[in-house]
Amino acid sequence: MAASEVRTQIYLPRRLHRALGDTARRRGVSMAQLLREGAEIVLRQAEEGPPDPLAALIGSVKSGPADLSENHDDYLNPPGTRRKR
């Protein structure tokens, strides 16, 4: 264990423990390494925030208001249901 690491104990469901062990063996790494990689992914996603559910629509509209990309919530949500900014 590197000096900058902290030992942590967790409880995993048997199914998850077995799947992690299988994956670690296939990849030739330790279960601890898989868990560290998974934690990094979760933290990176948390920093990015939730995905925009309308992101798939980007570029799909050929015409419309000039400010549609910035104010899509105002156009897609009826009055009274708009999110607070």
PDB file of N, CA and C in Angstrom:
ATOM      1  N   MET A   1       0.845  -1.169   0.000  1.00  0.00           N
ATOM      2  CA  MET A   1       0.000   0.000   0.000  1.00  0.00           C
ATOM      3  C   MET A   1       0.895   1.237   0.000  1.00  0.00           C
ATOM      4  N   ALA A   2       0.594   2.174  -0.882  1.00  0.00           N
ATOM      5  CA  ALA A   2       1.372   3.411  -0.960  1.00  0.00           C
ATOM      6  C   ALA A   2       1.079   4.281   0.256  1.00  0.00           C
ATOM      7  N   ALA A   3       2.019   5.124   0.603  1.00  0.00           N
ATOM      8  CA  ALA A   3       1.877   5.983   1.784  1.00  0.00           C
ATOM      9  C   ALA A   3       0.685   6.928   1.660  1.00  0.00           C
ATOM     10  N   SER A   4       0.285   7.256   0.443  1.00  0.00           N
ATOM     11  CA  SER A   4      -0.816   8.192   0.247  1.00  0.00           C
ATOM     12  C   SER A   4      -2.182   7.504   0.210  1.00  0.00           C
ATOM     13  N   GLU A   5      -2.211   6.188   0.398  1.00  0.00           N
ATOM     14  CA  GLU A   5      -3.474   5.457   0.365  1.00  0.00           C
ATOM     15  C   GLU A   5      -3.989   5.215   1.775  1.00  0.00           C
ATOM     16  N   VAL A   6      -5.314   5.145   1.889  1.00  0.00           N
ATOM     17  CA  VAL A   6      -5.970   4.882   3.156  1.00  0.00           C
ATOM     18  C   VAL A   6      -6.717   3.575   3.035  1.00  0.00           C
ATOM     19  N   ARG A   7      -6.541   2.686   3.990  1.00  0.00           N
ATOM     20  CA  ARG A   7      -7.220   1.386   3.970  1.00  0.00           C
ATOM     21  C   ARG A   7      -8.685   1.595   4.326  1.00  0.00           C
ATOM     22  N   THR A   8      -9.573   1.005   3.538  1.00  0.00           N
ATOM     23  CA  THR A   8     -11.006   1.125   3.740  1.00  0.00           C
ATOM     24  C   THR A   8     -11.644  -0.245   3.626  1.00  0.00           C
ATOM     25  N   GLN A   9     -12.563  -0.532   4.504  1.00  0.00           N
ATOM     26  CA  GLN A   9     -13.279  -1.811   4.463  1.00  0.00           C
ATOM     27  C   GLN A   9     -14.718  -1.549   4.043  1.00  0.00           C
ATOM     28  N   ILE A  10     -15.214  -2.343   3.085  1.00  0.00           N
ATOM     29  CA  ILE A  10     -16.599  -2.210   2.637  1.00  0.00           C
ATOM     30  C   ILE A  10     -17.243  -3.587   2.569  1.00  0.00           C
ATOM     31  N   TYR A  11     -18.558  -3.604   2.601  1.00  0.00           N
ATOM     32  CA  TYR A  11     -19.313  -4.836   2.428  1.00  0.00           C
ATOM     33  C   TYR A  11     -19.974  -4.798   1.062  1.00  0.00           C
ATOM     34  N   LEU A  12     -19.848  -5.892   0.308  1.00  0.00           N
ATOM     35  CA  LEU A  12     -20.417  -5.994  -1.026  1.00  0.00           C
ATOM     36  C   LEU A  12     -21.391  -7.158  -1.078  1.00  0.00           C
ATOM     37  N   PRO A  13     -22.452  -7.024  -1.860  1.00  0.00           N
ATOM     38  CA  PRO A  13     -23.296  -8.184  -2.099  1.00  0.00           C
ATOM     39  C   PRO A  13     -22.460  -9.278  -2.765  1.00  0.00           C
ATOM     40  N   ARG A  14     -22.760 -10.551  -2.473  1.00  0.00           N
ATOM     41  CA  ARG A  14     -21.975 -11.660  -3.025  1.00  0.00           C
ATOM     42  C   ARG A  14     -21.878 -11.606  -4.547  1.00  0.00           C
ATOM     43  N   ARG A  15     -22.989 -11.287  -5.195  1.00  0.00           N
ATOM     44  CA  ARG A  15     -23.002 -11.229  -6.656  1.00  0.00           C
ATOM     45  C   ARG A  15     -21.990 -10.206  -7.167  1.00  0.00           C
ATOM     46  N   LEU A  16     -21.969  -9.031  -6.541  1.00  0.00           N
ATOM     47  CA  LEU A  16     -21.041  -7.982  -6.962  1.00  0.00           C
ATOM     48  C   LEU A  16     -19.596  -8.378  -6.660  1.00  0.00           C
ATOM     49  N   HIS A  17     -19.366  -8.982  -5.504  1.00  0.00           N
ATOM     50  CA  HIS A  17     -18.021  -9.436  -5.138  1.00  0.00           C
ATOM     51  C   HIS A  17     -17.505 -10.461  -6.149  1.00  0.00           C
ATOM     52  N   ARG A  18     -18.365 -11.405  -6.521  1.00  0.00           N
ATOM     53  CA  ARG A  18     -17.987 -12.443  -7.490  1.00  0.00           C
ATOM     54  C   ARG A  18     -17.691 -11.813  -8.850  1.00  0.00           C
ATOM     55  N   ALA A  19     -18.543 -10.899  -9.290  1.00  0.00           N
ATOM     56  CA  ALA A  19     -18.345 -10.260 -10.596  1.00  0.00           C
ATOM     57  C   ALA A  19     -17.063  -9.433 -10.614  1.00  0.00           C
ATOM     58  N   LEU A  20     -16.780  -8.728  -9.522  1.00  0.00           N
ATOM     59  CA  LEU A  20     -15.534  -7.959  -9.444  1.00  0.00           C
ATOM     60  C   LEU A  20     -14.320  -8.875  -9.497  1.00  0.00           C
ATOM     61  N   GLY A  21     -14.383  -9.991  -8.769  1.00  0.00           N
ATOM     62  CA  GLY A  21     -13.270 -10.945  -8.791  1.00  0.00           C
ATOM     63  C   GLY A  21     -13.042 -11.508 -10.174  1.00  0.00           C
ATOM     64  N   ASP A  22     -14.131 -11.885 -10.862  1.00  0.00           N
ATOM     65  CA  ASP A  22     -14.013 -12.414 -12.231  1.00  0.00           C
ATOM     66  C   ASP A  22     -13.401 -11.382 -13.170  1.00  0.00           C
ATOM     67  N   THR A  23     -13.886 -10.157 -13.078  1.00  0.00           N
ATOM     68  CA  THR A  23     -13.388  -9.096 -13.959  1.00  0.00           C
ATOM     69  C   THR A  23     -11.929  -8.774 -13.656  1.00  0.00           C
ATOM     70  N   ALA A  24     -11.580  -8.743 -12.380  1.00  0.00           N
ATOM     71  CA  ALA A  24     -10.191  -8.469 -11.998  1.00  0.00           C
ATOM     72  C   ALA A  24      -9.257  -9.540 -12.551  1.00  0.00           C
ATOM     73  N   ARG A  25      -9.657 -10.795 -12.440  1.00  0.00           N
ATOM     74  CA  ARG A  25      -8.812 -11.879 -12.976  1.00  0.00           C
ATOM     75  C   ARG A  25      -8.651 -11.756 -14.489  1.00  0.00           C
ATOM     76  N   ARG A  26      -9.752 -11.483 -15.184  1.00  0.00           N
ATOM     77  CA  ARG A  26      -9.668 -11.344 -16.651  1.00  0.00           C
ATOM     78  C   ARG A  26      -8.750 -10.201 -17.053  1.00  0.00           C
ATOM     79  N   ARG A  27      -8.803  -9.106 -16.314  1.00  0.00           N
ATOM     80  CA  ARG A  27      -7.980  -7.941 -16.639  1.00  0.00           C
ATOM     81  C   ARG A  27      -6.578  -8.020 -16.068  1.00  0.00           C
ATOM     82  N   GLY A  28      -6.353  -8.945 -15.162  1.00  0.00           N
ATOM     83  CA  GLY A  28      -5.030  -9.080 -14.557  1.00  0.00           C
ATOM     84  C   GLY A  28      -4.712  -7.983 -13.557  1.00  0.00           C
ATOM     85  N   VAL A  29      -5.744  -7.495 -12.868  1.00  0.00           N
ATOM     86  CA  VAL A  29      -5.560  -6.465 -11.848  1.00  0.00           C
ATOM     87  C   VAL A  29      -6.239  -6.931 -10.560  1.00  0.00           C
ATOM     88  N   SER A  30      -6.029  -6.203  -9.494  1.00  0.00           N
ATOM     89  CA  SER A  30      -6.667  -6.552  -8.228  1.00  0.00           C
ATOM     90  C   SER A  30      -8.084  -5.991  -8.174  1.00  0.00           C
ATOM     91  N   MET A  31      -8.881  -6.577  -7.278  1.00  0.00           N
ATOM     92  CA  MET A  31     -10.224  -6.035  -7.050  1.00  0.00           C
ATOM     93  C   MET A  31     -10.123  -4.601  -6.530  1.00  0.00           C
ATOM     94  N   ALA A  32      -9.127  -4.346  -5.708  1.00  0.00           N
ATOM     95  CA  ALA A  32      -8.937  -2.999  -5.178  1.00  0.00           C
ATOM     96  C   ALA A  32      -8.728  -1.995  -6.316  1.00  0.00           C
ATOM     97  N   GLN A  33      -7.960  -2.388  -7.332  1.00  0.00           N
ATOM     98  CA  GLN A  33      -7.728  -1.499  -8.471  1.00  0.00           C
ATOM     99  C   GLN A  33      -9.035  -1.223  -9.207  1.00  0.00           C
ATOM    100  N   LEU A  34      -9.861  -2.247  -9.393  1.00  0.00           N
ATOM    101  CA  LEU A  34     -11.161  -2.035 -10.044  1.00  0.00           C
ATOM    102  C   LEU A  34     -12.022  -1.077  -9.237  1.00  0.00           C
ATOM    103  N   LEU A  35     -12.029  -1.248  -7.928  1.00  0.00           N
ATOM    104  CA  LEU A  35     -12.824  -0.369  -7.075  1.00  0.00           C
ATOM    105  C   LEU A  35     -12.308   1.070  -7.121  1.00  0.00           C
ATOM    106  N   ARG A  36     -10.988   1.254  -7.154  1.00  0.00           N
ATOM    107  CA  ARG A  36     -10.442   2.611  -7.273  1.00  0.00           C
ATOM    108  C   ARG A  36     -10.849   3.237  -8.600  1.00  0.00           C
ATOM    109  N   GLU A  37     -10.763   2.456  -9.691  1.00  0.00           N
ATOM    110  CA  GLU A  37     -11.165   2.973 -11.006  1.00  0.00           C
ATOM    111  C   GLU A  37     -12.645   3.332 -11.009  1.00  0.00           C
ATOM    112  N   GLY A  38     -13.463   2.482 -10.408  1.00  0.00           N
ATOM    113  CA  GLY A  38     -14.898   2.761 -10.341  1.00  0.00           C
ATOM    114  C   GLY A  38     -15.194   4.014  -9.541  1.00  0.00           C
ATOM    115  N   ALA A  39     -14.490   4.196  -8.423  1.00  0.00           N
ATOM    116  CA  ALA A  39     -14.686   5.392  -7.610  1.00  0.00           C
ATOM    117  C   ALA A  39     -14.302   6.644  -8.396  1.00  0.00           C
ATOM    118  N   GLU A  40     -13.215   6.581  -9.150  1.00  0.00           N
ATOM    119  CA  GLU A  40     -12.800   7.724  -9.976  1.00  0.00           C
ATOM    120  C   GLU A  40     -13.869   8.075 -11.004  1.00  0.00           C
ATOM    121  N   ILE A  41     -14.469   7.058 -11.624  1.00  0.00           N
ATOM    122  CA  ILE A  41     -15.524   7.289 -12.618  1.00  0.00           C
ATOM    123  C   ILE A  41     -16.725   7.963 -11.973  1.00  0.00           C
ATOM    124  N   VAL A  42     -17.149   7.456 -10.828  1.00  0.00           N
ATOM    125  CA  VAL A  42     -18.302   8.032 -10.127  1.00  0.00           C
ATOM    126  C   VAL A  42     -18.035   9.485  -9.755  1.00  0.00           C
ATOM    127  N   LEU A  43     -16.848   9.774  -9.228  1.00  0.00           N
ATOM    128  CA  LEU A  43     -16.519  11.146  -8.848  1.00  0.00           C
ATOM    129  C   LEU A  43     -16.456  12.075 -10.054  1.00  0.00           C
ATOM    130  N   ARG A  44     -15.907  11.601 -11.158  1.00  0.00           N
ATOM    131  CA  ARG A  44     -15.843  12.410 -12.378  1.00  0.00           C
ATOM    132  C   ARG A  44     -17.247  12.728 -12.880  1.00  0.00           C
ATOM    133  N   GLN A  45     -18.142  11.735 -12.862  1.00  0.00           N
ATOM    134  CA  GLN A  45     -19.523  11.958 -13.292  1.00  0.00           C
ATOM    135  C   GLN A  45     -20.239  12.926 -12.365  1.00  0.00           C
ATOM    136  N   ALA A  46     -19.962  12.845 -11.064  1.00  0.00           N
ATOM    137  CA  ALA A  46     -20.588  13.752 -10.110  1.00  0.00           C
ATOM    138  C   ALA A  46     -20.151  15.193 -10.361  1.00  0.00           C
ATOM    139  N   GLU A  47     -18.901  15.383 -10.739  1.00  0.00           N
ATOM    140  CA  GLU A  47     -18.397  16.726 -11.042  1.00  0.00           C
ATOM    141  C   GLU A  47     -19.045  17.286 -12.298  1.00  0.00           C
ATOM    142  N   GLU A  48     -19.305  16.420 -13.273  1.00  0.00           N
ATOM    143  CA  GLU A  48     -19.892  16.858 -14.540  1.00  0.00           C
ATOM    144  C   GLU A  48     -21.364  17.193 -14.384  1.00  0.00           C
ATOM    145  N   GLY A  49     -22.024  16.644 -13.379  1.00  0.00           N
ATOM    146  CA  GLY A  49     -23.456  16.861 -13.189  1.00  0.00           C
ATOM    147  C   GLY A  49     -24.257  15.907 -14.050  1.00  0.00           C
ATOM    148  N   PRO A  50     -25.562  15.933 -13.863  1.00  0.00           N
ATOM    149  CA  PRO A  50     -26.401  15.004 -14.627  1.00  0.00           C
ATOM    150  C   PRO A  50     -26.405  15.363 -16.109  1.00  0.00           C
ATOM    151  N   PRO A  51     -26.553  14.366 -16.971  1.00  0.00           N
ATOM    152  CA  PRO A  51     -26.581  14.654 -18.406  1.00  0.00           C
ATOM    153  C   PRO A  51     -27.839  15.441 -18.767  1.00  0.00           C
ATOM    154  N   ASP A  52     -27.716  16.299 -19.752  1.00  0.00           N
ATOM    155  CA  ASP A  52     -28.861  17.068 -20.237  1.00  0.00           C
ATOM    156  C   ASP A  52     -29.743  16.132 -21.050  1.00  0.00           C
ATOM    157  N   PRO A  53     -30.992  15.917 -20.631  1.00  0.00           N
ATOM    158  CA  PRO A  53     -31.858  14.982 -21.360  1.00  0.00           C
ATOM    159  C   PRO A  53     -32.171  15.439 -22.784  1.00  0.00           C
ATOM    160  N   LEU A  54     -31.911  16.681 -23.075  1.00  0.00           N
ATOM    161  CA  LEU A  54     -32.187  17.194 -24.419  1.00  0.00           C
ATOM    162  C   LEU A  54     -30.936  17.259 -25.295  1.00  0.00           C
ATOM    163  N   ALA A  55     -29.811  16.778 -24.781  1.00  0.00           N
ATOM    164  CA  ALA A  55     -28.557  16.853 -25.528  1.00  0.00           C
ATOM    165  C   ALA A  55     -28.646  16.136 -26.876  1.00  0.00           C
ATOM    166  N   ALA A  56     -29.440  15.074 -26.957  1.00  0.00           N
ATOM    167  CA  ALA A  56     -29.569  14.337 -28.215  1.00  0.00           C
ATOM    168  C   ALA A  56     -30.241  15.172 -29.304  1.00  0.00           C
ATOM    169  N   LEU A  57     -30.917  16.232 -28.917  1.00  0.00           N
ATOM    170  CA  LEU A  57     -31.594  17.075 -29.899  1.00  0.00           C
ATOM    171  C   LEU A  57     -30.670  18.101 -30.557  1.00  0.00           C
ATOM    172  N   ILE A  58     -29.474  18.252 -30.014  1.00  0.00           N
ATOM    173  CA  ILE A  58     -28.548  19.257 -30.545  1.00  0.00           C
ATOM    174  C   ILE A  58     -28.286  18.978 -32.023  1.00  0.00           C
ATOM    175  N   GLY A  59     -28.519  19.997 -32.831  1.00  0.00           N
ATOM    176  CA  GLY A  59     -28.290  19.891 -34.267  1.00  0.00           C
ATOM    177  C   GLY A  59     -29.437  19.281 -35.040  1.00  0.00           C
ATOM    178  N   SER A  60     -30.507  18.852 -34.371  1.00  0.00           N
ATOM    179  CA  SER A  60     -31.601  18.195 -35.072  1.00  0.00           C
ATOM    180  C   SER A  60     -32.660  19.175 -35.576  1.00  0.00           C
ATOM    181  N   VAL A  61     -32.600  20.415 -35.132  1.00  0.00           N
ATOM    182  CA  VAL A  61     -33.580  21.418 -35.534  1.00  0.00           C
ATOM    183  C   VAL A  61     -32.960  22.301 -36.608  1.00  0.00           C
ATOM    184  N   LYS A  62     -33.611  22.363 -37.755  1.00  0.00           N
ATOM    185  CA  LYS A  62     -33.060  23.129 -38.881  1.00  0.00           C
ATOM    186  C   LYS A  62     -33.388  24.615 -38.788  1.00  0.00           C
ATOM    187  N   SER A  63     -34.497  24.971 -38.123  1.00  0.00           N
ATOM    188  CA  SER A  63     -34.861  26.373 -37.993  1.00  0.00           C
ATOM    189  C   SER A  63     -35.567  26.567 -36.660  1.00  0.00           C
ATOM    190  N   GLY A  64     -35.794  27.805 -36.315  1.00  0.00           N
ATOM    191  CA  GLY A  64     -36.462  28.124 -35.062  1.00  0.00           C
ATOM    192  C   GLY A  64     -35.942  29.433 -34.537  1.00  0.00           C
ATOM    193  N   PRO A  65     -36.333  29.774 -33.334  1.00  0.00           N
ATOM    194  CA  PRO A  65     -35.878  31.040 -32.764  1.00  0.00           C
ATOM    195  C   PRO A  65     -34.352  31.074 -32.648  1.00  0.00           C
ATOM    196  N   ALA A  66     -33.785  32.234 -32.809  1.00  0.00           N
ATOM    197  CA  ALA A  66     -32.328  32.376 -32.769  1.00  0.00           C
ATOM    198  C   ALA A  66     -31.742  31.992 -31.420  1.00  0.00           C
ATOM    199  N   ASP A  67     -32.523  32.115 -30.351  1.00  0.00           N
ATOM    200  CA  ASP A  67     -32.009  31.806 -29.014  1.00  0.00           C
ATOM    201  C   ASP A  67     -32.471  30.438 -28.515  1.00  0.00           C
ATOM    202  N   LEU A  68     -32.921  29.570 -29.408  1.00  0.00           N
ATOM    203  CA  LEU A  68     -33.447  28.267 -29.006  1.00  0.00           C
ATOM    204  C   LEU A  68     -32.429  27.440 -28.236  1.00  0.00           C
ATOM    205  N   SER A  69     -31.171  27.453 -28.654  1.00  0.00           N
ATOM    206  CA  SER A  69     -30.177  26.626 -27.973  1.00  0.00           C
ATOM    207  C   SER A  69     -29.937  27.083 -26.536  1.00  0.00           C
ATOM    208  N   GLU A  70     -30.034  28.376 -26.284  1.00  0.00           N
ATOM    209  CA  GLU A  70     -29.818  28.888 -24.935  1.00  0.00           C
ATOM    210  C   GLU A  70     -31.062  28.818 -24.068  1.00  0.00           C
ATOM    211  N   ASN A  71     -32.221  28.950 -24.666  1.00  0.00           N
ATOM    212  CA  ASN A  71     -33.465  29.038 -23.906  1.00  0.00           C
ATOM    213  C   ASN A  71     -34.430  27.901 -24.218  1.00  0.00           C
ATOM    214  N   HIS A  72     -33.901  26.704 -24.523  1.00  0.00           N
ATOM    215  CA  HIS A  72     -34.774  25.591 -24.895  1.00  0.00           C
ATOM    216  C   HIS A  72     -35.774  25.247 -23.803  1.00  0.00           C
ATOM    217  N   ASP A  73     -35.399  25.414 -22.522  1.00  0.00           N
ATOM    218  CA  ASP A  73     -36.350  25.120 -21.441  1.00  0.00           C
ATOM    219  C   ASP A  73     -37.577  26.022 -21.540  1.00  0.00           C
ATOM    220  N   ASP A  74     -37.345  27.290 -21.870  1.00  0.00           N
ATOM    221  CA  ASP A  74     -38.463  28.231 -21.980  1.00  0.00           C
ATOM    222  C   ASP A  74     -39.407  27.850 -23.120  1.00  0.00           C
ATOM    223  N   TYR A  75     -38.871  27.290 -24.179  1.00  0.00           N
ATOM    224  CA  TYR A  75     -39.702  26.917 -25.326  1.00  0.00           C
ATOM    225  C   TYR A  75     -40.381  25.560 -25.146  1.00  0.00           C
ATOM    226  N   LEU A  76     -39.736  24.647 -24.424  1.00  0.00           N
ATOM    227  CA  LEU A  76     -40.256  23.289 -24.305  1.00  0.00           C
ATOM    228  C   LEU A  76     -41.154  23.064 -23.096  1.00  0.00           C
ATOM    229  N   ASN A  77     -41.060  23.919 -22.091  1.00  0.00           N
ATOM    230  CA  ASN A  77     -41.890  23.766 -20.898  1.00  0.00           C
ATOM    231  C   ASN A  77     -42.995  24.808 -20.908  1.00  0.00           C
ATOM    232  N   PRO A  78     -44.222  24.377 -20.653  1.00  0.00           N
ATOM    233  CA  PRO A  78     -45.324  25.342 -20.660  1.00  0.00           C
ATOM    234  C   PRO A  78     -45.163  26.356 -19.525  1.00  0.00           C
ATOM    235  N   PRO A  79     -45.759  27.530 -19.671  1.00  0.00           N
ATOM    236  CA  PRO A  79     -45.684  28.539 -18.607  1.00  0.00           C
ATOM    237  C   PRO A  79     -46.173  27.958 -17.280  1.00  0.00           C
ATOM    238  N   GLY A  80     -45.512  28.357 -16.207  1.00  0.00           N
ATOM    239  CA  GLY A  80     -45.889  27.866 -14.887  1.00  0.00           C
ATOM    240  C   GLY A  80     -45.147  26.610 -14.469  1.00  0.00           C
ATOM    241  N   THR A  81     -44.473  25.917 -15.411  1.00  0.00           N
ATOM    242  CA  THR A  81     -43.726  24.711 -15.074  1.00  0.00           C
ATOM    243  C   THR A  81     -42.232  24.873 -15.329  1.00  0.00           C
ATOM    244  N   ARG A  82     -41.830  26.079 -15.657  1.00  0.00           N
ATOM    245  CA  ARG A  82     -40.414  26.330 -15.966  1.00  0.00           C
ATOM    246  C   ARG A  82     -39.567  26.211 -14.717  1.00  0.00           C
ATOM    247  N   ARG A  83     -38.348  25.691 -14.914  1.00  0.00           N
ATOM    248  CA  ARG A  83     -37.411  25.556 -13.799  1.00  0.00           C
ATOM    249  C   ARG A  83     -36.877  26.917 -13.397  1.00  0.00           C
ATOM    250  N   LYS A  84     -36.606  27.060 -12.123  1.00  0.00           N
ATOM    251  CA  LYS A  84     -35.992  28.296 -11.617  1.00  0.00           C
ATOM    252  C   LYS A  84     -34.507  28.266 -11.967  1.00  0.00           C
ATOM    253  N   ARG A  85     -33.965  29.397 -12.309  1.00  0.00           N
ATOM    254  CA  ARG A  85     -32.534  29.482 -12.628  1.00  0.00           C
ATOM    255  C   ARG A  85     -31.780  30.167 -11.545  1.00  0.00           C
TER     256      ARG A  85
END
